[in-house]
Amino acid sequence: MASKIEHINDVNIRKTPQCIAVLNSLKKSKGHPTANEILHDVTKKFPHMSLATVYNNLRKLAENDVIQEVHVKNGPSRFDKNPATHYHMVCNKCGTMEDLSYPLLNEIESFANNLYNFVVTNHEFNLYGTCELCQNNLE
């Protein structure tokens, strides 16, 4: 399954070397990195790149639905290479974020529309708790 991240040329934004570096960093990440984590990765190739440049490129990519910005309570935003609406679990101890697939959550939009005549344009849903690794370290 090819995602929008694979089709960056279909999006109407300037594909500067810095933008491509930010996108490639996110693409190869195993999780949901912060802008600082992406900066740390891209400065290997672009040592003078600033955090502002990283944020500007991430913002442009998110605005064009190439990636998703995930707002996390009590922490920095994280960035997801999957722009489709989906859900996350966030560990309060170590801060890891994992995708959560549960099809019934998609029914919330229909429920809001049908019961309240509310047209949903987007939404975010994060579960907060303690991941399995942190639970095992508490024992």
Protein backbone atom coordinates (compact mmCIF):
# COMPACT_ATOMS: atom_id res chain seq x y z
CA MET A 1 0.00 0.00 0.00
CA ALA A 2 1.57 3.26 -1.11
CA SER A 3 0.90 6.25 1.10
CA LYS A 4 1.01 9.97 0.37
CA ILE A 5 4.53 10.02 1.76
CA GLU A 6 5.53 7.88 -1.23
CA HIS A 7 3.88 10.37 -3.60
CA ILE A 8 5.38 13.65 -2.41
CA ASN A 9 5.62 14.82 -6.02
CA ASP A 10 1.81 14.84 -6.21
CA VAL A 11 1.67 17.54 -3.52
CA ASN A 12 1.96 21.21 -4.40
CA ILE A 13 4.77 22.24 -2.04
CA ARG A 14 8.39 23.17 -2.69
CA LYS A 15 10.51 20.07 -2.44
CA THR A 16 13.67 21.67 -1.10
CA PRO A 17 16.56 19.45 0.00
CA GLN A 18 15.67 20.32 3.61
CA CYS A 19 12.03 19.33 3.11
CA ILE A 20 13.06 16.03 1.54
CA ALA A 21 15.50 15.40 4.42
CA VAL A 22 12.74 16.03 7.00
CA LEU A 23 10.36 13.76 5.10
CA ASN A 24 12.98 11.01 4.75
CA SER A 25 13.78 11.21 8.46
CA LEU A 26 10.13 10.75 9.30
CA LYS A 27 9.73 8.01 6.71
CA LYS A 28 12.55 5.90 8.18
CA SER A 29 11.53 6.47 11.81
CA LYS A 30 10.03 3.52 13.63
CA GLY A 31 7.66 5.60 15.71
CA HIS A 32 6.23 9.07 16.04
CA PRO A 33 9.21 11.43 16.43
CA THR A 34 9.19 14.98 17.75
CA ALA A 35 10.59 17.87 15.74
CA ASN A 36 13.71 17.79 17.94
CA GLU A 37 14.26 14.11 17.18
CA ILE A 38 13.89 14.81 13.46
CA LEU A 39 16.32 17.76 13.78
CA HIS A 40 18.86 15.49 15.47
CA ASP A 41 18.60 13.06 12.55
CA VAL A 42 18.72 15.58 9.68
CA THR A 43 21.66 17.56 11.07
CA LYS A 44 23.86 14.58 10.16
CA LYS A 45 23.38 15.64 6.53
CA PHE A 46 22.49 19.33 7.08
CA PRO A 47 24.52 20.43 10.13
CA HIS A 48 23.25 24.01 9.97
CA MET A 49 19.55 23.22 9.72
CA SER A 50 17.52 24.96 12.42
CA LEU A 51 14.60 23.72 14.47
CA ALA A 52 12.48 26.45 12.83
CA THR A 53 13.24 24.98 9.39
CA VAL A 54 12.22 21.52 10.61
CA TYR A 55 8.96 22.88 12.07
CA ASN A 56 8.19 24.89 8.92
CA ASN A 57 8.62 21.83 6.73
CA LEU A 58 6.63 19.60 9.08
CA ARG A 59 3.83 22.19 9.11
CA LYS A 60 3.73 22.34 5.29
CA LEU A 61 3.69 18.55 5.04
CA ALA A 62 0.89 18.27 7.62
CA GLU A 63 -1.17 21.04 5.98
CA ASN A 64 -0.96 19.12 2.69
CA ASP A 65 -1.98 15.83 4.36
CA VAL A 66 1.32 14.13 3.60
CA ILE A 67 1.93 13.52 7.33
CA GLN A 68 -0.05 13.97 10.53
CA GLU A 69 0.80 16.16 13.51
CA VAL A 70 -0.33 14.49 16.72
CA HIS A 71 -0.86 16.80 19.68
CA VAL A 72 0.10 15.21 22.97
CA LYS A 73 -0.92 16.57 26.36
CA ASN A 74 2.00 17.71 28.50
CA GLY A 75 4.50 17.16 25.73
CA PRO A 76 5.66 18.24 22.31
CA SER A 77 3.72 17.34 19.19
CA ARG A 78 4.74 14.16 17.47
CA PHE A 79 4.65 13.50 13.77
CA ASP A 80 3.18 10.47 12.06
CA LYS A 81 4.02 9.35 8.53
CA ASN A 82 0.46 8.00 8.23
CA PRO A 83 -1.85 10.95 7.49
CA ALA A 84 -5.06 8.87 7.57
CA THR A 85 -7.32 9.30 10.57
CA HIS A 86 -6.30 6.80 13.20
CA TYR A 87 -5.77 6.70 16.94
CA HIS A 88 -2.87 6.52 19.36
CA MET A 89 -1.88 5.18 22.77
CA VAL A 90 0.62 7.33 24.69
CA CYS A 91 2.62 6.11 27.67
CA ASN A 92 2.65 8.63 30.53
CA LYS A 93 5.96 7.25 31.83
CA CYS A 94 8.27 6.90 28.81
CA GLY A 95 6.32 8.93 26.23
CA THR A 96 6.18 6.24 23.58
CA MET A 97 3.29 6.44 21.15
CA GLU A 98 1.73 3.50 19.36
CA ASP A 99 -1.00 3.34 16.73
CA LEU A 100 -4.34 1.96 17.87
CA SER A 101 -6.64 0.27 15.39
CA TYR A 102 -10.24 -0.10 16.49
CA PRO A 103 -12.82 0.24 13.71
CA LEU A 104 -15.75 1.16 15.98
CA LEU A 105 -14.07 4.47 16.83
CA ASN A 106 -14.81 5.56 13.25
CA GLU A 107 -18.51 5.44 14.10
CA ILE A 108 -18.10 8.47 16.38
CA GLU A 109 -18.15 10.80 13.35
CA SER A 110 -21.40 9.27 12.06
CA PHE A 111 -22.90 9.43 15.54
CA ALA A 112 -22.05 13.15 15.88
CA ASN A 113 -23.46 13.87 12.45
CA ASN A 114 -26.65 11.84 12.83
CA LEU A 115 -27.55 12.74 16.41
CA TYR A 116 -26.32 16.34 16.58
CA ASN A 117 -26.25 17.32 12.89
CA PHE A 118 -22.56 18.11 13.41
CA VAL A 119 -20.27 17.83 10.40
CA VAL A 120 -16.90 16.51 11.53
CA THR A 121 -13.93 17.77 9.52
CA ASN A 122 -11.26 15.97 11.57
CA HIS A 123 -10.60 14.63 15.04
CA GLU A 124 -7.87 13.28 17.29
CA PHE A 125 -8.15 10.52 19.83
CA ASN A 126 -5.33 9.54 22.15
CA LEU A 127 -5.41 7.08 25.03
CA TYR A 128 -3.01 7.84 27.89
CA GLY A 129 -1.69 5.20 30.28
CA THR A 130 1.32 3.00 30.94
CA CYS A 131 2.89 0.82 28.24
CA GLU A 132 3.74 -2.83 28.82
CA LEU A 133 7.49 -2.17 29.13
CA CYS A 134 6.99 0.49 31.80
CA GLN A 135 4.52 -1.75 33.64
CA ASN A 136 7.10 -4.55 33.73
CA ASN A 137 9.79 -2.15 35.04
CA LEU A 138 7.53 -1.20 37.96
CA GLU A 139 7.36 -4.77 39.23
